Amino acid sequence: MKEIADQERRSVNQQIIVLLEQSLQQK
């Protein structure tokens, strides 16, 4: 269970990073 939670957390972090990069590129 813990490994699955870590994977989900990682995927969420990647999505946040992608969104941040996109917002920075728009500026």
PDB file of N, CA and C in Angstrom:
ATOM      1  N   MET A   1       0.847  -1.208   0.000  1.00  0.00           N
ATOM      2  CA  MET A   1       0.000   0.000   0.000  1.00  0.00           C
ATOM      3  C   MET A   1       0.877   1.251   0.000  1.00  0.00           C
ATOM      4  N   LYS A   2       1.932   1.230   0.808  1.00  0.00           N
ATOM      5  CA  LYS A   2       2.780   2.424   0.901  1.00  0.00           C
ATOM      6  C   LYS A   2       3.405   2.744  -0.454  1.00  0.00           C
ATOM      7  N   GLU A   3       3.853   1.698  -1.178  1.00  0.00           N
ATOM      8  CA  GLU A   3       4.488   1.952  -2.482  1.00  0.00           C
ATOM      9  C   GLU A   3       3.500   2.604  -3.434  1.00  0.00           C
ATOM     10  N   ILE A   4       2.253   2.139  -3.411  1.00  0.00           N
ATOM     11  CA  ILE A   4       1.237   2.720  -4.308  1.00  0.00           C
ATOM     12  C   ILE A   4       1.043   4.191  -3.975  1.00  0.00           C
ATOM     13  N   ALA A   5       0.991   4.513  -2.686  1.00  0.00           N
ATOM     14  CA  ALA A   5       0.808   5.908  -2.281  1.00  0.00           C
ATOM     15  C   ALA A   5       1.982   6.751  -2.781  1.00  0.00           C
ATOM     16  N   ASP A   6       3.187   6.216  -2.663  1.00  0.00           N
ATOM     17  CA  ASP A   6       4.362   6.958  -3.141  1.00  0.00           C
ATOM     18  C   ASP A   6       4.266   7.197  -4.639  1.00  0.00           C
ATOM     19  N   GLN A   7       3.839   6.193  -5.394  1.00  0.00           N
ATOM     20  CA  GLN A   7       3.734   6.357  -6.853  1.00  0.00           C
ATOM     21  C   GLN A   7       2.694   7.428  -7.175  1.00  0.00           C
ATOM     22  N   GLU A   8       1.560   7.399  -6.475  1.00  0.00           N
ATOM     23  CA  GLU A   8       0.519   8.396  -6.740  1.00  0.00           C
ATOM     24  C   GLU A   8       1.047   9.787  -6.415  1.00  0.00           C
ATOM     25  N   ARG A   9       1.758   9.894  -5.287  1.00  0.00           N
ATOM     26  CA  ARG A   9       2.306  11.193  -4.900  1.00  0.00           C
ATOM     27  C   ARG A   9       3.270  11.690  -5.981  1.00  0.00           C
ATOM     28  N   ARG A  10       4.107  10.775  -6.488  1.00  0.00           N
ATOM     29  CA  ARG A  10       5.077  11.152  -7.522  1.00  0.00           C
ATOM     30  C   ARG A  10       4.346  11.646  -8.770  1.00  0.00           C
ATOM     31  N   SER A  11       3.329  10.925  -9.191  1.00  0.00           N
ATOM     32  CA  SER A  11       2.602  11.319 -10.400  1.00  0.00           C
ATOM     33  C   SER A  11       1.941  12.676 -10.182  1.00  0.00           C
ATOM     34  N   VAL A  12       1.390  12.908  -8.999  1.00  0.00           N
ATOM     35  CA  VAL A  12       0.757  14.205  -8.717  1.00  0.00           C
ATOM     36  C   VAL A  12       1.817  15.304  -8.767  1.00  0.00           C
ATOM     37  N   ASN A  13       2.979  15.043  -8.180  1.00  0.00           N
ATOM     38  CA  ASN A  13       4.040  16.048  -8.201  1.00  0.00           C
ATOM     39  C   ASN A  13       4.449  16.357  -9.641  1.00  0.00           C
ATOM     40  N   GLN A  14       4.536  15.331 -10.482  1.00  0.00           N
ATOM     41  CA  GLN A  14       4.913  15.552 -11.878  1.00  0.00           C
ATOM     42  C   GLN A  14       3.874  16.431 -12.565  1.00  0.00           C
ATOM     43  N   GLN A  15       2.591  16.189 -12.301  1.00  0.00           N
ATOM     44  CA  GLN A  15       1.540  17.000 -12.925  1.00  0.00           C
ATOM     45  C   GLN A  15       1.660  18.445 -12.481  1.00  0.00           C
ATOM     46  N   ILE A  16       1.942  18.657 -11.189  1.00  0.00           N
ATOM     47  CA  ILE A  16       2.083  20.029 -10.683  1.00  0.00           C
ATOM     48  C   ILE A  16       3.268  20.707 -11.361  1.00  0.00           C
ATOM     49  N   ILE A  17       4.373  19.986 -11.496  1.00  0.00           N
ATOM     50  CA  ILE A  17       5.566  20.562 -12.141  1.00  0.00           C
ATOM     51  C   ILE A  17       5.243  20.949 -13.578  1.00  0.00           C
ATOM     52  N   VAL A  18       4.532  20.081 -14.290  1.00  0.00           N
ATOM     53  CA  VAL A  18       4.177  20.380 -15.680  1.00  0.00           C
ATOM     54  C   VAL A  18       3.326  21.642 -15.735  1.00  0.00           C
ATOM     55  N   LEU A  19       2.357  21.743 -14.844  1.00  0.00           N
ATOM     56  CA  LEU A  19       1.501  22.930 -14.841  1.00  0.00           C
ATOM     57  C   LEU A  19       2.324  24.183 -14.528  1.00  0.00           C
ATOM     58  N   LEU A  20       3.242  24.066 -13.581  1.00  0.00           N
ATOM     59  CA  LEU A  20       4.073  25.227 -13.238  1.00  0.00           C
ATOM     60  C   LEU A  20       4.937  25.637 -14.428  1.00  0.00           C
ATOM     61  N   GLU A  21       5.530  24.670 -15.097  1.00  0.00           N
ATOM     62  CA  GLU A  21       6.368  24.988 -16.252  1.00  0.00           C
ATOM     63  C   GLU A  21       5.549  25.664 -17.340  1.00  0.00           C
ATOM     64  N   GLN A  22       4.333  25.174 -17.580  1.00  0.00           N
ATOM     65  CA  GLN A  22       3.486  25.774 -18.610  1.00  0.00           C
ATOM     66  C   GLN A  22       3.152  27.215 -18.243  1.00  0.00           C
ATOM     67  N   SER A  23       2.802  27.453 -16.981  1.00  0.00           N
ATOM     68  CA  SER A  23       2.446  28.813 -16.560  1.00  0.00           C
ATOM     69  C   SER A  23       3.662  29.732 -16.697  1.00  0.00           C
ATOM     70  N   LEU A  24       4.861  29.211 -16.416  1.00  0.00           N
ATOM     71  CA  LEU A  24       6.064  30.036 -16.543  1.00  0.00           C
ATOM     72  C   LEU A  24       6.345  30.349 -18.011  1.00  0.00           C
ATOM     73  N   GLN A  25       6.113  29.386 -18.886  1.00  0.00           N
ATOM     74  CA  GLN A  25       6.379  29.610 -20.307  1.00  0.00           C
ATOM     75  C   GLN A  25       5.413  30.643 -20.877  1.00  0.00           C
ATOM     76  N   GLN A  26       4.173  30.672 -20.358  1.00  0.00           N
ATOM     77  CA  GLN A  26       3.194  31.624 -20.883  1.00  0.00           C
ATOM     78  C   GLN A  26       3.611  33.056 -20.563  1.00  0.00           C
ATOM     79  N   LYS A  27       4.291  33.249 -19.416  1.00  0.00           N
ATOM     80  CA  LYS A  27       4.716  34.605 -19.043  1.00  0.00           C
ATOM     81  C   LYS A  27       5.875  35.075 -19.880  1.00  0.00           C
TER      82      LYS A  27
END
